[in-house]
PDB file of N, CA and C in Angstrom:
ATOM      1  N   UNK A   1     -64.495  57.780   9.931  1.00  0.00           N
ATOM      2  CA  UNK A   1     -63.128  56.651   9.109  1.00  0.00           C
ATOM      3  C   UNK A   1     -63.875  55.585   9.091  1.00  0.00           C
ATOM      4  N   UNK A   2     -64.078  54.765   7.614  1.00  0.00           N
ATOM      5  CA  UNK A   2     -65.284  54.018   7.020  1.00  0.00           C
ATOM      6  C   UNK A   2     -64.963  52.708   6.767  1.00  0.00           C
ATOM      7  N   UNK A   3     -64.972  51.405   7.754  1.00  0.00           N
ATOM      8  CA  UNK A   3     -63.734  50.600   7.091  1.00  0.00           C
ATOM      9  C   UNK A   3     -65.367  49.736   6.218  1.00  0.00           C
ATOM     10  N   UNK A   4     -64.756  49.457   5.208  1.00  0.00           N
ATOM     11  CA  UNK A   4     -65.317  48.097   3.806  1.00  0.00           C
ATOM     12  C   UNK A   4     -64.890  47.332   3.949  1.00  0.00           C
ATOM     13  N   UNK A   5     -65.764  46.465   4.286  1.00  0.00           N
ATOM     14  CA  UNK A   5     -65.836  45.285   4.372  1.00  0.00           C
ATOM     15  C   UNK A   5     -64.778  44.463   3.037  1.00  0.00           C
ATOM     16  N   UNK A   6     -64.055  43.380   2.576  1.00  0.00           N
ATOM     17  CA  UNK A   6     -63.915  43.335   1.032  1.00  0.00           C
ATOM     18  C   UNK A   6     -64.652  42.734   0.021  1.00  0.00           C
ATOM     19  N   UNK A   7     -64.928  43.254  -1.320  1.00  0.00           N
ATOM     20  CA  UNK A   7     -65.836  42.232  -2.141  1.00  0.00           C
ATOM     21  C   UNK A   7     -64.473  41.437  -3.004  1.00  0.00           C
ATOM     22  N   UNK A   8     -65.847  39.584  -3.139  1.00  0.00           N
ATOM     23  CA  UNK A   8     -65.338  38.785  -3.636  1.00  0.00           C
ATOM     24  C   UNK A   8     -65.653  39.012  -5.197  1.00  0.00           C
ATOM     25  N   UNK A   9     -64.822  39.624  -5.758  1.00  0.00           N
ATOM     26  CA  UNK A   9     -65.894  39.041  -7.805  1.00  0.00           C
ATOM     27  C   UNK A   9     -64.732  38.032  -8.215  1.00  0.00           C
ATOM     28  N   UNK A  10     -66.035  36.770  -8.639  1.00  0.00           N
ATOM     29  CA  UNK A  10     -65.125  35.083  -9.313  1.00  0.00           C
ATOM     30  C   UNK A  10     -65.434  35.139 -10.600  1.00  0.00           C
ATOM     31  N   UNK A  11     -64.430  35.232 -11.874  1.00  0.00           N
ATOM     32  CA  UNK A  11     -64.722  34.930 -12.820  1.00  0.00           C
ATOM     33  C   UNK A  11     -64.358  33.680 -13.399  1.00  0.00           C
ATOM     34  N   UNK A  12     -64.897  33.466 -14.649  1.00  0.00           N
ATOM     35  CA  UNK A  12     -63.976  32.037 -15.708  1.00  0.00           C
ATOM     36  C   UNK A  12     -63.186  32.904 -16.797  1.00  0.00           C
ATOM     37  N   UNK A  13     -61.838  32.707 -16.591  1.00  0.00           N
ATOM     38  CA  UNK A  13     -61.299  33.159 -17.778  1.00  0.00           C
ATOM     39  C   UNK A  13     -60.890  31.641 -18.896  1.00  0.00           C
ATOM     40  N   UNK A  14     -60.804  32.116 -19.641  1.00  0.00           N
ATOM     41  CA  UNK A  14     -60.779  30.681 -20.964  1.00  0.00           C
ATOM     42  C   UNK A  14     -59.359  31.140 -21.483  1.00  0.00           C
ATOM     43  N   UNK A  15     -58.327  30.259 -22.236  1.00  0.00           N
ATOM     44  CA  UNK A  15     -57.347  30.525 -22.478  1.00  0.00           C
ATOM     45  C   UNK A  15     -55.624  30.424 -21.687  1.00  0.00           C
ATOM     46  N   UNK A  16     -55.974  30.488 -20.738  1.00  0.00           N
ATOM     47  CA  UNK A  16     -54.895  30.467 -20.298  1.00  0.00           C
ATOM     48  C   UNK A  16     -54.317  28.758 -19.450  1.00  0.00           C
ATOM     49  N   UNK A  17     -52.498  28.804 -20.172  1.00  0.00           N
ATOM     50  CA  UNK A  17     -51.780  27.856 -19.792  1.00  0.00           C
ATOM     51  C   UNK A  17     -51.260  27.116 -19.222  1.00  0.00           C
ATOM     52  N   UNK A  18     -50.700  28.240 -18.182  1.00  0.00           N
ATOM     53  CA  UNK A  18     -49.185  28.769 -17.423  1.00  0.00           C
ATOM     54  C   UNK A  18     -49.221  29.649 -16.752  1.00  0.00           C
ATOM     55  N   UNK A  19     -48.292  29.104 -15.684  1.00  0.00           N
ATOM     56  CA  UNK A  19     -47.878  30.713 -14.733  1.00  0.00           C
ATOM     57  C   UNK A  19     -47.519  31.890 -15.367  1.00  0.00           C
ATOM     58  N   UNK A  20     -47.443  31.632 -16.936  1.00  0.00           N
ATOM     59  CA  UNK A  20     -47.212  33.449 -17.147  1.00  0.00           C
ATOM     60  C   UNK A  20     -48.451  33.918 -17.460  1.00  0.00           C
ATOM     61  N   UNK A  21     -49.235  33.132 -17.865  1.00  0.00           N
ATOM     62  CA  UNK A  21     -51.107  33.143 -18.689  1.00  0.00           C
ATOM     63  C   UNK A  21     -51.323  33.433 -16.628  1.00  0.00           C
ATOM     64  N   UNK A  22     -51.142  32.700 -15.731  1.00  0.00           N
ATOM     65  CA  UNK A  22     -51.326  33.371 -14.395  1.00  0.00           C
ATOM     66  C   UNK A  22     -50.892  34.628 -14.585  1.00  0.00           C
ATOM     67  N   UNK A  23     -49.663  34.731 -14.732  1.00  0.00           N
ATOM     68  CA  UNK A  23     -49.235  36.396 -14.008  1.00  0.00           C
ATOM     69  C   UNK A  23     -48.958  37.234 -14.838  1.00  0.00           C
ATOM     70  N   UNK A  24     -49.654  37.420 -16.221  1.00  0.00           N
ATOM     71  CA  UNK A  24     -50.209  38.342 -16.696  1.00  0.00           C
ATOM     72  C   UNK A  24     -51.579  38.634 -16.752  1.00  0.00           C
ATOM     73  N   UNK A  25     -52.418  37.670 -16.217  1.00  0.00           N
ATOM     74  CA  UNK A  25     -54.195  38.591 -15.715  1.00  0.00           C
ATOM     75  C   UNK A  25     -53.420  39.216 -15.122  1.00  0.00           C
ATOM     76  N   UNK A  26     -53.432  38.372 -13.716  1.00  0.00           N
ATOM     77  CA  UNK A  26     -52.910  38.641 -12.199  1.00  0.00           C
ATOM     78  C   UNK A  26     -52.953  40.708 -12.580  1.00  0.00           C
ATOM     79  N   UNK A  27     -51.606  40.466 -12.895  1.00  0.00           N
ATOM     80  CA  UNK A  27     -50.719  41.743 -13.039  1.00  0.00           C
ATOM     81  C   UNK A  27     -51.633  43.335 -13.739  1.00  0.00           C
ATOM     82  N   UNK A  28     -52.438  42.612 -14.712  1.00  0.00           N
ATOM     83  CA  UNK A  28     -53.394  43.100 -15.928  1.00  0.00           C
ATOM     84  C   UNK A  28     -54.590  43.577 -14.160  1.00  0.00           C
ATOM     85  N   UNK A  29     -55.015  42.654 -13.535  1.00  0.00           N
ATOM     86  CA  UNK A  29     -55.994  42.954 -13.061  1.00  0.00           C
ATOM     87  C   UNK A  29     -56.541  43.480 -11.433  1.00  0.00           C
ATOM     88  N   UNK A  30     -55.232  43.302 -11.123  1.00  0.00           N
ATOM     89  CA  UNK A  30     -54.097  44.208 -10.057  1.00  0.00           C
ATOM     90  C   UNK A  30     -53.889  45.182 -10.098  1.00  0.00           C
ATOM     91  N   UNK A  31     -53.817  45.921 -11.541  1.00  0.00           N
ATOM     92  CA  UNK A  31     -53.562  47.229 -12.190  1.00  0.00           C
ATOM     93  C   UNK A  31     -55.328  48.202 -11.665  1.00  0.00           C
ATOM     94  N   UNK A  32     -56.098  47.925 -11.100  1.00  0.00           N
ATOM     95  CA  UNK A  32     -57.882  48.078 -11.363  1.00  0.00           C
ATOM     96  C   UNK A  32     -57.923  48.531 -10.356  1.00  0.00           C
ATOM     97  N   UNK A  33     -58.648  49.780  -9.498  1.00  0.00           N
ATOM     98  CA  UNK A  33     -58.397  50.841  -8.785  1.00  0.00           C
ATOM     99  C   UNK A  33     -58.889  50.130  -7.638  1.00  0.00           C
ATOM    100  N   UNK A  34     -58.432  49.455  -6.670  1.00  0.00           N
ATOM    101  CA  UNK A  34     -59.428  48.505  -5.431  1.00  0.00           C
ATOM    102  C   UNK A  34     -59.824  47.389  -5.226  1.00  0.00           C
ATOM    103  N   UNK A  35     -58.594  47.060  -6.154  1.00  0.00           N
ATOM    104  CA  UNK A  35     -57.852  45.714  -5.901  1.00  0.00           C
ATOM    105  C   UNK A  35     -57.125  45.079  -5.364  1.00  0.00           C
ATOM    106  N   UNK A  36     -57.338  44.590  -4.519  1.00  0.00           N
ATOM    107  CA  UNK A  36     -56.338  43.941  -3.122  1.00  0.00           C
ATOM    108  C   UNK A  36     -55.492  42.464  -3.930  1.00  0.00           C
ATOM    109  N   UNK A  37     -55.986  42.263  -4.012  1.00  0.00           N
ATOM    110  CA  UNK A  37     -55.350  40.523  -4.330  1.00  0.00           C
ATOM    111  C   UNK A  37     -55.930  39.440  -5.842  1.00  0.00           C
ATOM    112  N   UNK A  38     -55.728  38.978  -6.123  1.00  0.00           N
ATOM    113  CA  UNK A  38     -56.292  37.988  -7.068  1.00  0.00           C
ATOM    114  C   UNK A  38     -55.992  36.683  -7.382  1.00  0.00           C
ATOM    115  N   UNK A  39     -56.635  35.685  -7.188  1.00  0.00           N
ATOM    116  CA  UNK A  39     -55.731  34.219  -7.326  1.00  0.00           C
ATOM    117  C   UNK A  39     -56.837  33.235  -8.106  1.00  0.00           C
ATOM    118  N   UNK A  40     -55.483  32.752  -8.688  1.00  0.00           N
ATOM    119  CA  UNK A  40     -55.965  32.236 -10.407  1.00  0.00           C
ATOM    120  C   UNK A  40     -56.113  30.639  -9.716  1.00  0.00           C
ATOM    121  N   UNK A  41     -57.261  30.021  -9.664  1.00  0.00           N
ATOM    122  CA  UNK A  41     -56.829  28.569  -9.581  1.00  0.00           C
ATOM    123  C   UNK A  41     -56.770  28.448 -11.623  1.00  0.00           C
ATOM    124  N   UNK A  42     -56.010  27.770 -11.522  1.00  0.00           N
ATOM    125  CA  UNK A  42     -55.517  27.979 -12.950  1.00  0.00           C
ATOM    126  C   UNK A  42     -55.577  26.352 -13.585  1.00  0.00           C
ATOM    127  N   UNK A  43     -56.602  25.793 -14.882  1.00  0.00           N
ATOM    128  CA  UNK A  43     -57.093  25.158 -15.259  1.00  0.00           C
ATOM    129  C   UNK A  43     -56.503  25.354 -16.953  1.00  0.00           C
ATOM    130  N   UNK A  44     -55.223  24.429 -17.225  1.00  0.00           N
ATOM    131  CA  UNK A  44     -54.829  24.062 -18.161  1.00  0.00           C
ATOM    132  C   UNK A  44     -55.162  24.136 -19.205  1.00  0.00           C
ATOM    133  N   UNK A  45     -55.744  25.008 -20.874  1.00  0.00           N
ATOM    134  CA  UNK A  45     -56.610  24.491 -21.548  1.00  0.00           C
ATOM    135  C   UNK A  45     -58.168  24.720 -21.582  1.00  0.00           C
ATOM    136  N   UNK A  46     -58.381  25.121 -20.001  1.00  0.00           N
ATOM    137  CA  UNK A  46     -59.990  24.945 -20.133  1.00  0.00           C
ATOM    138  C   UNK A  46     -60.390  26.301 -19.428  1.00  0.00           C
ATOM    139  N   UNK A  47     -61.300  26.016 -18.336  1.00  0.00           N
ATOM    140  CA  UNK A  47     -62.149  27.236 -18.430  1.00  0.00           C
ATOM    141  C   UNK A  47     -61.012  27.585 -16.675  1.00  0.00           C
ATOM    142  N   UNK A  48     -60.578  28.214 -16.246  1.00  0.00           N
ATOM    143  CA  UNK A  48     -60.052  28.963 -15.085  1.00  0.00           C
ATOM    144  C   UNK A  48     -60.675  29.933 -13.559  1.00  0.00           C
ATOM    145  N   UNK A  49     -60.583  29.670 -12.679  1.00  0.00           N
ATOM    146  CA  UNK A  49     -61.185  30.254 -11.766  1.00  0.00           C
ATOM    147  C   UNK A  49     -60.412  31.103 -11.649  1.00  0.00           C
ATOM    148  N   UNK A  50     -61.165  32.503 -11.607  1.00  0.00           N
ATOM    149  CA  UNK A  50     -60.242  33.489 -11.271  1.00  0.00           C
ATOM    150  C   UNK A  50     -60.783  34.533  -9.878  1.00  0.00           C
ATOM    151  N   UNK A  51     -60.407  34.962  -8.672  1.00  0.00           N
ATOM    152  CA  UNK A  51     -61.105  35.063  -8.025  1.00  0.00           C
ATOM    153  C   UNK A  51     -60.489  36.451  -7.839  1.00  0.00           C
ATOM    154  N   UNK A  52     -60.928  37.622  -7.053  1.00  0.00           N
ATOM    155  CA  UNK A  52     -60.789  38.913  -7.060  1.00  0.00           C
ATOM    156  C   UNK A  52     -61.235  39.507  -5.626  1.00  0.00           C
ATOM    157  N   UNK A  53     -60.399  40.119  -5.294  1.00  0.00           N
ATOM    158  CA  UNK A  53     -60.854  40.932  -3.639  1.00  0.00           C
ATOM    159  C   UNK A  53     -60.678  42.241  -4.210  1.00  0.00           C
ATOM    160  N   UNK A  54     -61.722  42.640  -3.836  1.00  0.00           N
ATOM    161  CA  UNK A  54     -61.663  44.313  -4.219  1.00  0.00           C
ATOM    162  C   UNK A  54     -62.178  45.258  -2.875  1.00  0.00           C
ATOM    163  N   UNK A  55     -61.697  46.651  -2.527  1.00  0.00           N
ATOM    164  CA  UNK A  55     -62.800  47.194  -1.896  1.00  0.00           C
ATOM    165  C   UNK A  55     -63.843  48.040  -2.379  1.00  0.00           C
ATOM    166  N   UNK A  56     -64.130  47.921  -3.462  1.00  0.00           N
ATOM    167  CA  UNK A  56     -65.188  48.130  -3.877  1.00  0.00           C
ATOM    168  C   UNK A  56     -65.995  47.227  -5.433  1.00  0.00           C
ATOM    169  N   UNK A  57     -66.403  47.378  -5.376  1.00  0.00           N
ATOM    170  CA  UNK A  57     -67.442  46.924  -6.057  1.00  0.00           C
ATOM    171  C   UNK A  57     -66.742  47.239  -7.556  1.00  0.00           C
ATOM    172  N   UNK A  58     -66.578  45.827  -8.619  1.00  0.00           N
ATOM    173  CA  UNK A  58     -65.631  46.238  -9.525  1.00  0.00           C
ATOM    174  C   UNK A  58     -66.991  45.945 -11.078  1.00  0.00           C
ATOM    175  N   UNK A  59     -66.865  46.461 -11.789  1.00  0.00           N
ATOM    176  CA  UNK A  59     -67.255  46.894 -12.908  1.00  0.00           C
ATOM    177  C   UNK A  59     -66.814  45.572 -14.156  1.00  0.00           C
ATOM    178  N   UNK A  60     -67.816  44.597 -13.976  1.00  0.00           N
ATOM    179  CA  UNK A  60     -67.973  43.132 -15.449  1.00  0.00           C
ATOM    180  C   UNK A  60     -67.062  44.078 -16.214  1.00  0.00           C
ATOM    181  N   UNK A  61     -67.411  45.135 -16.896  1.00  0.00           N
ATOM    182  CA  UNK A  61     -66.559  45.717 -18.043  1.00  0.00           C
ATOM    183  C   UNK A  61     -65.029  46.056 -17.887  1.00  0.00           C
ATOM    184  N   UNK A  62     -64.778  46.646 -16.544  1.00  0.00           N
ATOM    185  CA  UNK A  62     -63.569  46.972 -16.270  1.00  0.00           C
ATOM    186  C   UNK A  62     -62.458  45.596 -16.174  1.00  0.00           C
ATOM    187  N   UNK A  63     -63.551  44.762 -15.928  1.00  0.00           N
ATOM    188  CA  UNK A  63     -63.023  43.014 -15.770  1.00  0.00           C
ATOM    189  C   UNK A  63     -62.193  42.666 -16.823  1.00  0.00           C
ATOM    190  N   UNK A  64     -63.451  41.797 -17.807  1.00  0.00           N
ATOM    191  CA  UNK A  64     -63.132  42.132 -18.368  1.00  0.00           C
ATOM    192  C   UNK A  64     -62.244  42.276 -19.586  1.00  0.00           C
ATOM    193  N   UNK A  65     -62.201  43.917 -20.002  1.00  0.00           N
ATOM    194  CA  UNK A  65     -60.742  44.793 -20.615  1.00  0.00           C
ATOM    195  C   UNK A  65     -59.513  44.269 -19.737  1.00  0.00           C
ATOM    196  N   UNK A  66     -59.803  44.069 -18.736  1.00  0.00           N
ATOM    197  CA  UNK A  66     -58.357  44.037 -17.775  1.00  0.00           C
ATOM    198  C   UNK A  66     -57.622  42.483 -18.590  1.00  0.00           C
ATOM    199  N   UNK A  67     -58.717  41.445 -18.727  1.00  0.00           N
ATOM    200  CA  UNK A  67     -58.193  39.979 -19.088  1.00  0.00           C
ATOM    201  C   UNK A  67     -58.131  39.855 -20.353  1.00  0.00           C
ATOM    202  N   UNK A  68     -58.769  40.974 -21.482  1.00  0.00           N
ATOM    203  CA  UNK A  68     -58.844  40.407 -22.733  1.00  0.00           C
ATOM    204  C   UNK A  68     -57.278  42.350 -22.767  1.00  0.00           C
ATOM    205  N   UNK A  69     -56.914  42.984 -22.554  1.00  0.00           N
ATOM    206  CA  UNK A  69     -55.795  43.165 -22.334  1.00  0.00           C
ATOM    207  C   UNK A  69     -54.392  42.241 -22.335  1.00  0.00           C
ATOM    208  N   UNK A  70     -54.574  41.005 -21.303  1.00  0.00           N
ATOM    209  CA  UNK A  70     -53.395  39.966 -21.685  1.00  0.00           C
ATOM    210  C   UNK A  70     -53.668  38.998 -22.153  1.00  0.00           C
ATOM    211  N   UNK A  71     -54.774  39.201 -23.131  1.00  0.00           N
ATOM    212  CA  UNK A  71     -54.593  38.512 -24.270  1.00  0.00           C
ATOM    213  C   UNK A  71     -55.993  37.220 -24.319  1.00  0.00           C
ATOM    214  N   UNK A  72     -56.721  37.215 -23.339  1.00  0.00           N
ATOM    215  CA  UNK A  72     -57.674  36.084 -22.798  1.00  0.00           C
ATOM    216  C   UNK A  72     -59.534  36.385 -22.019  1.00  0.00           C
ATOM    217  N   UNK A  73     -60.046  35.435 -22.358  1.00  0.00           N
ATOM    218  CA  UNK A  73     -61.276  36.049 -22.463  1.00  0.00           C
ATOM    219  C   UNK A  73     -61.919  35.730 -21.189  1.00  0.00           C
ATOM    220  N   UNK A  74     -62.177  36.641 -20.651  1.00  0.00           N
ATOM    221  CA  UNK A  74     -64.070  36.150 -19.399  1.00  0.00           C
ATOM    222  C   UNK A  74     -65.137  35.692 -20.507  1.00  0.00           C
ATOM    223  N   UNK A  75     -64.982  34.205 -19.541  1.00  0.00           N
ATOM    224  CA  UNK A  75     -66.226  33.738 -20.126  1.00  0.00           C
ATOM    225  C   UNK A  75     -68.291  33.360 -19.445  1.00  0.00           C
ATOM    226  N   UNK A  76     -68.664  33.229 -19.938  1.00  0.00           N
ATOM    227  CA  UNK A  76     -70.119  33.867 -18.683  1.00  0.00           C
ATOM    228  C   UNK A  76     -70.023  32.406 -17.890  1.00  0.00           C
ATOM    229  N   UNK A  77     -70.684  32.565 -16.620  1.00  0.00           N
ATOM    230  CA  UNK A  77     -70.239  31.680 -15.516  1.00  0.00           C
ATOM    231  C   UNK A  77     -71.592  30.805 -16.114  1.00  0.00           C
ATOM    232  N   UNK A  78     -73.421  31.632 -16.412  1.00  0.00           N
ATOM    233  CA  UNK A  78     -74.633  30.929 -16.943  1.00  0.00           C
ATOM    234  C   UNK A  78     -74.717  31.025 -18.235  1.00  0.00           C
ATOM    235  N   UNK A  79     -75.211  31.033 -19.144  1.00  0.00           N
ATOM    236  CA  UNK A  79     -75.391  31.227 -20.190  1.00  0.00           C
ATOM    237  C   UNK A  79     -77.311  31.892 -20.392  1.00  0.00           C
TER     238      UNK A  79
END
């Protein structure tokens, strides 16, 4: 038996304005393999912070695709 510690990934997402946006993004991210929870700190009209807890490292491309599927965009934290 292996006990793996959860991995936490934080991304910035633009374009989210309401609870429906949060639900859409959370639903897409929760569909990714290994995702245990999604926590969104909504900043309406600005950059929202999304924290994903998973059982393994998630490829950034997979996160970006899931967020895009919900209709939003992951933005870089740093240039």
